């Protein structure tokens, strides 16, 4: 994974092109496009759930829960080659509690933009037989 954590600003993710990891590329080469589509669908379902939980944690001011949610999203994103999503999550995860008062809204906006962009790229990928 490229470490873009230091470069992930409010517009982060808007220029990311999906670069599937070698493991997914190997599955595609073996004709397993439907499996890749299923993995992407699972990533989207899980991440959508975690983003909702993240919103709830922010409303409650529960920074440990914010960290837990972004840590989980970061891991899944890293596994599927969504490096900017993972980088933004890393930024949030390694921030101190003061992030609630300063940068969190911009970082969450950047996370959502990167997530939307990368999932669109994944869905449009020729690796996914039948779409995600």
N, C-alpha and C. Protein backbone atom coordinates (compact mmCIF):
# COMPACT_ATOMS: atom_id res chain seq x y z
N UNK A 1 0.84 -1.18 0.00
CA UNK A 1 0.00 0.00 0.00
C UNK A 1 0.88 1.23 0.00
N UNK A 2 0.56 2.18 -0.83
CA UNK A 2 1.24 3.47 -0.79
C UNK A 2 0.83 4.19 0.48
N UNK A 3 1.76 4.91 1.10
CA UNK A 3 1.41 5.65 2.30
C UNK A 3 1.06 7.07 1.92
N UNK A 4 -0.22 7.31 1.73
CA UNK A 4 -0.69 8.64 1.39
C UNK A 4 -1.26 9.35 2.60
N UNK A 5 -1.00 8.82 3.79
CA UNK A 5 -1.62 9.37 4.99
C UNK A 5 -1.26 10.83 5.19
N UNK A 6 -0.07 11.22 4.82
CA UNK A 6 0.32 12.60 5.03
C UNK A 6 -0.25 13.52 3.96
N UNK A 7 -0.75 12.98 2.87
CA UNK A 7 -1.26 13.78 1.77
C UNK A 7 -2.79 13.83 1.71
N UNK A 8 -3.47 13.17 2.61
CA UNK A 8 -4.92 13.05 2.52
C UNK A 8 -5.60 14.28 3.11
N UNK A 9 -5.90 15.23 2.26
CA UNK A 9 -6.61 16.42 2.68
C UNK A 9 -8.08 16.29 2.37
N UNK A 10 -8.83 17.37 2.42
CA UNK A 10 -10.27 17.31 2.19
C UNK A 10 -10.66 16.74 0.83
N UNK A 11 -9.80 16.87 -0.18
CA UNK A 11 -10.13 16.35 -1.49
C UNK A 11 -9.48 15.01 -1.77
N UNK A 12 -8.89 14.39 -0.76
CA UNK A 12 -8.19 13.13 -0.96
C UNK A 12 -9.13 12.08 -1.51
N UNK A 13 -8.62 11.28 -2.40
CA UNK A 13 -9.40 10.17 -2.92
C UNK A 13 -10.05 10.46 -4.24
N UNK A 14 -10.18 11.71 -4.60
CA UNK A 14 -10.91 12.05 -5.81
C UNK A 14 -10.15 11.70 -7.08
N UNK A 15 -8.85 11.44 -6.97
CA UNK A 15 -8.08 11.10 -8.15
C UNK A 15 -7.56 9.67 -8.12
N UNK A 16 -7.98 8.89 -7.14
CA UNK A 16 -7.47 7.53 -7.03
C UNK A 16 -8.09 6.63 -8.09
N UNK A 17 -7.22 5.89 -8.75
CA UNK A 17 -7.64 4.86 -9.67
C UNK A 17 -7.40 3.55 -8.94
N UNK A 18 -8.36 2.65 -9.02
CA UNK A 18 -8.23 1.40 -8.27
C UNK A 18 -7.12 0.55 -8.86
N UNK A 19 -6.18 0.18 -8.02
CA UNK A 19 -5.11 -0.73 -8.37
C UNK A 19 -5.30 -1.99 -7.54
N UNK A 20 -5.96 -3.01 -8.10
CA UNK A 20 -6.22 -4.22 -7.31
C UNK A 20 -4.91 -4.85 -6.84
N UNK A 21 -4.89 -5.34 -5.62
CA UNK A 21 -3.70 -6.03 -5.13
C UNK A 21 -3.42 -7.28 -5.97
N UNK A 22 -2.21 -7.77 -5.88
CA UNK A 22 -1.81 -8.95 -6.66
C UNK A 22 -2.72 -10.14 -6.41
N UNK A 23 -3.18 -10.31 -5.17
CA UNK A 23 -4.04 -11.46 -4.87
C UNK A 23 -5.36 -11.39 -5.65
N UNK A 24 -5.94 -10.21 -5.75
CA UNK A 24 -7.17 -10.08 -6.53
C UNK A 24 -6.91 -10.23 -8.01
N UNK A 25 -5.79 -9.69 -8.46
CA UNK A 25 -5.42 -9.82 -9.87
C UNK A 25 -5.24 -11.30 -10.23
N UNK A 26 -4.62 -12.06 -9.32
CA UNK A 26 -4.43 -13.50 -9.56
C UNK A 26 -5.77 -14.22 -9.63
N UNK A 27 -6.71 -13.84 -8.77
CA UNK A 27 -8.05 -14.43 -8.83
C UNK A 27 -8.72 -14.13 -10.16
N UNK A 28 -8.58 -12.89 -10.61
CA UNK A 28 -9.16 -12.51 -11.90
C UNK A 28 -8.52 -13.31 -13.02
N UNK A 29 -7.22 -13.47 -12.97
CA UNK A 29 -6.51 -14.23 -14.00
C UNK A 29 -6.96 -15.68 -14.03
N UNK A 30 -7.42 -16.18 -12.87
CA UNK A 30 -7.90 -17.55 -12.78
C UNK A 30 -9.40 -17.66 -13.09
N UNK A 31 -10.01 -16.56 -13.53
CA UNK A 31 -11.42 -16.59 -13.91
C UNK A 31 -12.38 -16.46 -12.75
N UNK A 32 -11.94 -15.88 -11.68
CA UNK A 32 -12.79 -15.76 -10.48
C UNK A 32 -13.36 -14.35 -10.32
N UNK A 33 -13.78 -13.74 -11.40
CA UNK A 33 -14.33 -12.39 -11.33
C UNK A 33 -15.55 -12.28 -10.45
N UNK A 34 -16.38 -13.31 -10.41
CA UNK A 34 -17.57 -13.24 -9.57
C UNK A 34 -17.19 -13.24 -8.09
N UNK A 35 -16.10 -13.90 -7.74
CA UNK A 35 -15.62 -13.88 -6.36
C UNK A 35 -15.13 -12.47 -6.00
N UNK A 36 -14.43 -11.84 -6.91
CA UNK A 36 -13.96 -10.47 -6.68
C UNK A 36 -15.16 -9.54 -6.49
N UNK A 37 -16.17 -9.70 -7.31
CA UNK A 37 -17.38 -8.89 -7.17
C UNK A 37 -18.03 -9.11 -5.81
N UNK A 38 -18.03 -10.34 -5.34
CA UNK A 38 -18.59 -10.65 -4.03
C UNK A 38 -17.77 -10.01 -2.91
N UNK A 39 -16.45 -10.07 -3.02
CA UNK A 39 -15.58 -9.44 -2.01
C UNK A 39 -15.81 -7.93 -1.96
N UNK A 40 -15.96 -7.32 -3.12
CA UNK A 40 -16.21 -5.88 -3.17
C UNK A 40 -17.58 -5.55 -2.58
N UNK A 41 -18.57 -6.36 -2.86
CA UNK A 41 -19.90 -6.14 -2.28
C UNK A 41 -19.85 -6.25 -0.76
N UNK A 42 -19.09 -7.21 -0.26
CA UNK A 42 -18.94 -7.36 1.19
C UNK A 42 -18.21 -6.14 1.79
N UNK A 43 -17.19 -5.66 1.10
CA UNK A 43 -16.47 -4.47 1.54
C UNK A 43 -17.43 -3.28 1.62
N UNK A 44 -18.24 -3.13 0.61
CA UNK A 44 -19.18 -2.00 0.58
C UNK A 44 -20.21 -2.11 1.71
N UNK A 45 -20.77 -3.28 1.91
CA UNK A 45 -21.76 -3.48 2.96
C UNK A 45 -21.15 -3.22 4.33
N UNK A 46 -19.99 -3.80 4.58
CA UNK A 46 -19.32 -3.62 5.86
C UNK A 46 -18.94 -2.16 6.08
N UNK A 47 -18.38 -1.53 5.08
CA UNK A 47 -17.95 -0.14 5.22
C UNK A 47 -19.14 0.79 5.40
N UNK A 48 -20.22 0.57 4.69
CA UNK A 48 -21.42 1.39 4.88
C UNK A 48 -21.91 1.30 6.32
N UNK A 49 -21.91 0.09 6.89
CA UNK A 49 -22.32 -0.11 8.28
C UNK A 49 -21.37 0.61 9.22
N UNK A 50 -20.09 0.50 8.96
CA UNK A 50 -19.09 1.14 9.82
C UNK A 50 -19.14 2.66 9.71
N UNK A 51 -19.45 3.19 8.54
CA UNK A 51 -19.58 4.64 8.40
C UNK A 51 -20.77 5.16 9.20
N UNK A 52 -21.86 4.39 9.23
CA UNK A 52 -23.01 4.79 10.06
C UNK A 52 -22.63 4.76 11.54
N UNK A 53 -21.91 3.71 11.95
CA UNK A 53 -21.46 3.61 13.35
C UNK A 53 -20.47 4.73 13.67
N UNK A 54 -19.67 5.10 12.69
CA UNK A 54 -18.72 6.20 12.86
C UNK A 54 -19.48 7.51 13.09
N UNK A 55 -20.52 7.74 12.32
CA UNK A 55 -21.35 8.94 12.52
C UNK A 55 -21.92 8.97 13.93
N UNK A 56 -22.43 7.83 14.40
CA UNK A 56 -22.98 7.76 15.75
C UNK A 56 -21.91 8.04 16.80
N UNK A 57 -20.71 7.51 16.60
CA UNK A 57 -19.62 7.73 17.54
C UNK A 57 -19.23 9.20 17.59
N UNK A 58 -19.24 9.85 16.44
CA UNK A 58 -18.91 11.27 16.40
C UNK A 58 -19.96 12.08 17.17
N UNK A 59 -21.23 11.78 16.95
CA UNK A 59 -22.30 12.48 17.64
C UNK A 59 -22.16 12.32 19.16
N UNK A 60 -21.78 11.11 19.58
CA UNK A 60 -21.63 10.83 21.01
C UNK A 60 -20.30 11.35 21.58
N UNK A 61 -19.39 11.76 20.71
CA UNK A 61 -18.08 12.20 21.17
C UNK A 61 -17.22 11.04 21.66
N UNK A 62 -17.47 9.85 21.13
CA UNK A 62 -16.77 8.64 21.55
C UNK A 62 -15.56 8.40 20.65
N UNK A 63 -14.44 9.05 20.99
CA UNK A 63 -13.26 8.95 20.14
C UNK A 63 -12.69 7.54 20.07
N UNK A 64 -12.70 6.74 21.16
CA UNK A 64 -12.23 5.36 21.03
C UNK A 64 -13.05 4.55 20.00
N UNK A 65 -14.35 4.79 19.94
CA UNK A 65 -15.18 4.10 18.95
C UNK A 65 -14.89 4.61 17.54
N UNK A 66 -14.63 5.90 17.41
CA UNK A 66 -14.23 6.45 16.11
C UNK A 66 -12.98 5.71 15.64
N UNK A 67 -12.00 5.60 16.52
CA UNK A 67 -10.75 4.91 16.17
C UNK A 67 -11.01 3.46 15.78
N UNK A 68 -11.86 2.79 16.52
CA UNK A 68 -12.16 1.38 16.23
C UNK A 68 -12.78 1.24 14.84
N UNK A 69 -13.72 2.11 14.51
CA UNK A 69 -14.38 2.02 13.20
C UNK A 69 -13.41 2.31 12.06
N UNK A 70 -12.61 3.37 12.20
CA UNK A 70 -11.68 3.69 11.11
C UNK A 70 -10.58 2.64 11.00
N UNK A 71 -10.22 2.02 12.12
CA UNK A 71 -9.22 0.95 12.07
C UNK A 71 -9.75 -0.23 11.24
N UNK A 72 -11.00 -0.58 11.46
CA UNK A 72 -11.61 -1.68 10.70
C UNK A 72 -11.75 -1.35 9.23
N UNK A 73 -12.18 -0.14 8.93
CA UNK A 73 -12.30 0.29 7.53
C UNK A 73 -10.93 0.27 6.88
N UNK A 74 -9.93 0.76 7.60
CA UNK A 74 -8.56 0.81 7.08
C UNK A 74 -8.08 -0.59 6.68
N UNK A 75 -8.33 -1.57 7.52
CA UNK A 75 -7.88 -2.93 7.23
C UNK A 75 -8.55 -3.49 5.98
N UNK A 76 -9.84 -3.34 5.88
CA UNK A 76 -10.56 -3.84 4.71
C UNK A 76 -10.12 -3.12 3.44
N UNK A 77 -9.99 -1.81 3.54
CA UNK A 77 -9.58 -1.01 2.38
C UNK A 77 -8.18 -1.41 1.93
N UNK A 78 -7.29 -1.65 2.87
CA UNK A 78 -5.93 -2.06 2.53
C UNK A 78 -5.93 -3.39 1.79
N UNK A 79 -6.74 -4.32 2.24
CA UNK A 79 -6.81 -5.64 1.62
C UNK A 79 -7.31 -5.58 0.18
N UNK A 80 -8.16 -4.60 -0.12
CA UNK A 80 -8.74 -4.51 -1.46
C UNK A 80 -8.06 -3.47 -2.35
N UNK A 81 -7.02 -2.84 -1.86
CA UNK A 81 -6.28 -1.89 -2.69
C UNK A 81 -6.86 -0.49 -2.72
N UNK A 82 -7.65 -0.13 -1.73
CA UNK A 82 -8.21 1.22 -1.62
C UNK A 82 -7.28 2.05 -0.73
N UNK A 83 -6.12 2.39 -1.27
CA UNK A 83 -5.06 2.98 -0.46
C UNK A 83 -5.40 4.35 0.12
N UNK A 84 -6.13 5.17 -0.62
CA UNK A 84 -6.46 6.50 -0.08
C UNK A 84 -7.48 6.40 1.04
N UNK A 85 -8.42 5.49 0.92
CA UNK A 85 -9.37 5.27 2.01
C UNK A 85 -8.59 4.83 3.25
N UNK A 86 -7.69 3.89 3.08
CA UNK A 86 -6.88 3.41 4.21
C UNK A 86 -6.02 4.52 4.79
N UNK A 87 -5.45 5.37 3.94
CA UNK A 87 -4.58 6.45 4.40
C UNK A 87 -5.36 7.47 5.24
N UNK A 88 -6.55 7.81 4.81
CA UNK A 88 -7.37 8.76 5.56
C UNK A 88 -7.76 8.15 6.90
N UNK A 89 -8.11 6.87 6.89
CA UNK A 89 -8.44 6.18 8.14
C UNK A 89 -7.24 6.19 9.09
N UNK A 90 -6.05 5.97 8.55
CA UNK A 90 -4.84 6.00 9.36
C UNK A 90 -4.66 7.38 9.99
N UNK A 91 -4.90 8.42 9.23
CA UNK A 91 -4.79 9.78 9.77
C UNK A 91 -5.73 9.97 10.96
N UNK A 92 -6.96 9.55 10.80
CA UNK A 92 -7.94 9.70 11.87
C UNK A 92 -7.55 8.84 13.07
N UNK A 93 -7.17 7.61 12.79
CA UNK A 93 -6.84 6.66 13.85
C UNK A 93 -5.66 7.13 14.69
N UNK A 94 -4.69 7.76 14.07
CA UNK A 94 -3.49 8.17 14.80
C UNK A 94 -3.57 9.59 15.33
N UNK A 95 -4.70 10.25 15.11
CA UNK A 95 -4.89 11.60 15.63
C UNK A 95 -5.23 11.54 17.12
N UNK A 96 -4.98 12.63 17.78
CA UNK A 96 -5.36 12.74 19.19
C UNK A 96 -6.81 13.17 19.32
N UNK A 97 -7.32 13.17 20.55
CA UNK A 97 -8.72 13.57 20.77
C UNK A 97 -9.04 14.98 20.29
N UNK A 98 -8.04 15.82 20.15
CA UNK A 98 -8.29 17.19 19.70
C UNK A 98 -8.83 17.22 18.27
N UNK A 99 -8.72 16.10 17.55
CA UNK A 99 -9.24 16.04 16.18
C UNK A 99 -10.75 16.30 16.16
N UNK A 100 -11.44 15.97 17.27
CA UNK A 100 -12.89 16.22 17.33
C UNK A 100 -13.20 17.70 17.15
N UNK A 101 -12.34 18.54 17.65
CA UNK A 101 -12.59 19.98 17.60
C UNK A 101 -11.98 20.66 16.40
N UNK A 102 -11.14 19.96 15.65
CA UNK A 102 -10.41 20.61 14.58
C UNK A 102 -10.69 20.00 13.21
N UNK A 103 -10.11 18.86 12.96
CA UNK A 103 -10.04 18.32 11.60
C UNK A 103 -11.03 17.21 11.27
N UNK A 104 -11.74 16.69 12.25
CA UNK A 104 -12.55 15.51 11.98
C UNK A 104 -13.60 15.72 10.88
N UNK A 105 -14.34 16.81 10.85
CA UNK A 105 -15.32 16.96 9.76
C UNK A 105 -14.68 16.90 8.37
N UNK A 106 -13.56 17.58 8.19
CA UNK A 106 -12.88 17.56 6.89
C UNK A 106 -12.34 16.17 6.58
N UNK A 107 -11.82 15.48 7.59
CA UNK A 107 -11.28 14.13 7.36
C UNK A 107 -12.40 13.15 7.02
N UNK A 108 -13.53 13.28 7.68
CA UNK A 108 -14.66 12.40 7.37
C UNK A 108 -15.21 12.69 5.97
N UNK A 109 -15.23 13.95 5.59
CA UNK A 109 -15.65 14.30 4.23
C UNK A 109 -14.69 13.69 3.21
N UNK A 110 -13.40 13.79 3.48
CA UNK A 110 -12.40 13.20 2.59
C UNK A 110 -12.54 11.69 2.54
N UNK A 111 -12.82 11.07 3.68
CA UNK A 111 -13.01 9.61 3.72
C UNK A 111 -14.19 9.20 2.87
N UNK A 112 -15.30 9.89 3.01
CA UNK A 112 -16.50 9.55 2.22
C UNK A 112 -16.27 9.77 0.72
N UNK A 113 -15.58 10.84 0.37
CA UNK A 113 -15.30 11.10 -1.04
C UNK A 113 -14.39 10.02 -1.62
N UNK A 114 -13.35 9.65 -0.89
CA UNK A 114 -12.43 8.62 -1.36
C UNK A 114 -13.15 7.28 -1.46
N UNK A 115 -13.98 6.97 -0.49
CA UNK A 115 -14.73 5.71 -0.49
C UNK A 115 -15.69 5.66 -1.69
N UNK A 116 -16.42 6.72 -1.92
CA UNK A 116 -17.35 6.74 -3.05
C UNK A 116 -16.61 6.59 -4.37
N UNK A 117 -15.51 7.29 -4.50
CA UNK A 117 -14.73 7.23 -5.74
C UNK A 117 -14.17 5.82 -5.98
N UNK A 118 -13.60 5.24 -4.95
CA UNK A 118 -12.95 3.93 -5.14
C UNK A 118 -13.98 2.83 -5.35
N UNK A 119 -15.12 2.90 -4.68
CA UNK A 119 -16.13 1.86 -4.90
C UNK A 119 -16.72 1.96 -6.30
N UNK A 120 -16.85 3.18 -6.82
CA UNK A 120 -17.29 3.33 -8.21
C UNK A 120 -16.26 2.73 -9.17
N UNK A 121 -14.99 2.97 -8.88
CA UNK A 121 -13.92 2.40 -9.72
C UNK A 121 -13.92 0.89 -9.63
N UNK A 122 -14.12 0.35 -8.44
CA UNK A 122 -14.16 -1.10 -8.27
C UNK A 122 -15.33 -1.70 -9.05
N UNK A 123 -16.46 -1.08 -8.91
CA UNK A 123 -17.68 -1.60 -9.57
C UNK A 123 -17.53 -1.58 -11.09
N UNK A 124 -16.84 -0.60 -11.61
CA UNK A 124 -16.66 -0.48 -13.05
C UNK A 124 -15.51 -1.33 -13.59
N UNK A 125 -14.78 -1.96 -12.71
CA UNK A 125 -13.60 -2.72 -13.10
C UNK A 125 -13.96 -3.94 -13.96
N UNK A 126 -13.18 -4.20 -15.00
CA UNK A 126 -13.38 -5.40 -15.79
C UNK A 126 -13.03 -6.68 -15.01
N UNK A 127 -12.40 -6.54 -13.83
CA UNK A 127 -12.09 -7.72 -13.03
C UNK A 127 -13.34 -8.34 -12.44
N UNK A 128 -14.40 -7.55 -12.33
CA UNK A 128 -15.62 -8.01 -11.67
C UNK A 128 -16.62 -8.51 -12.69
N UNK A 129 -16.74 -9.77 -12.80
CA UNK A 129 -17.74 -10.36 -13.69
C UNK A 129 -19.10 -10.17 -13.03
N UNK A 130 -19.99 -9.49 -13.70
CA UNK A 130 -21.32 -9.25 -13.16
C UNK A 130 -21.42 -8.02 -12.29
N UNK A 131 -20.34 -7.26 -12.11
CA UNK A 131 -20.38 -6.06 -11.27
C UNK A 131 -20.42 -6.39 -9.81
N UNK A 132 -20.20 -5.34 -8.98
CA UNK A 132 -20.21 -5.56 -7.54
C UNK A 132 -21.52 -5.13 -7.00
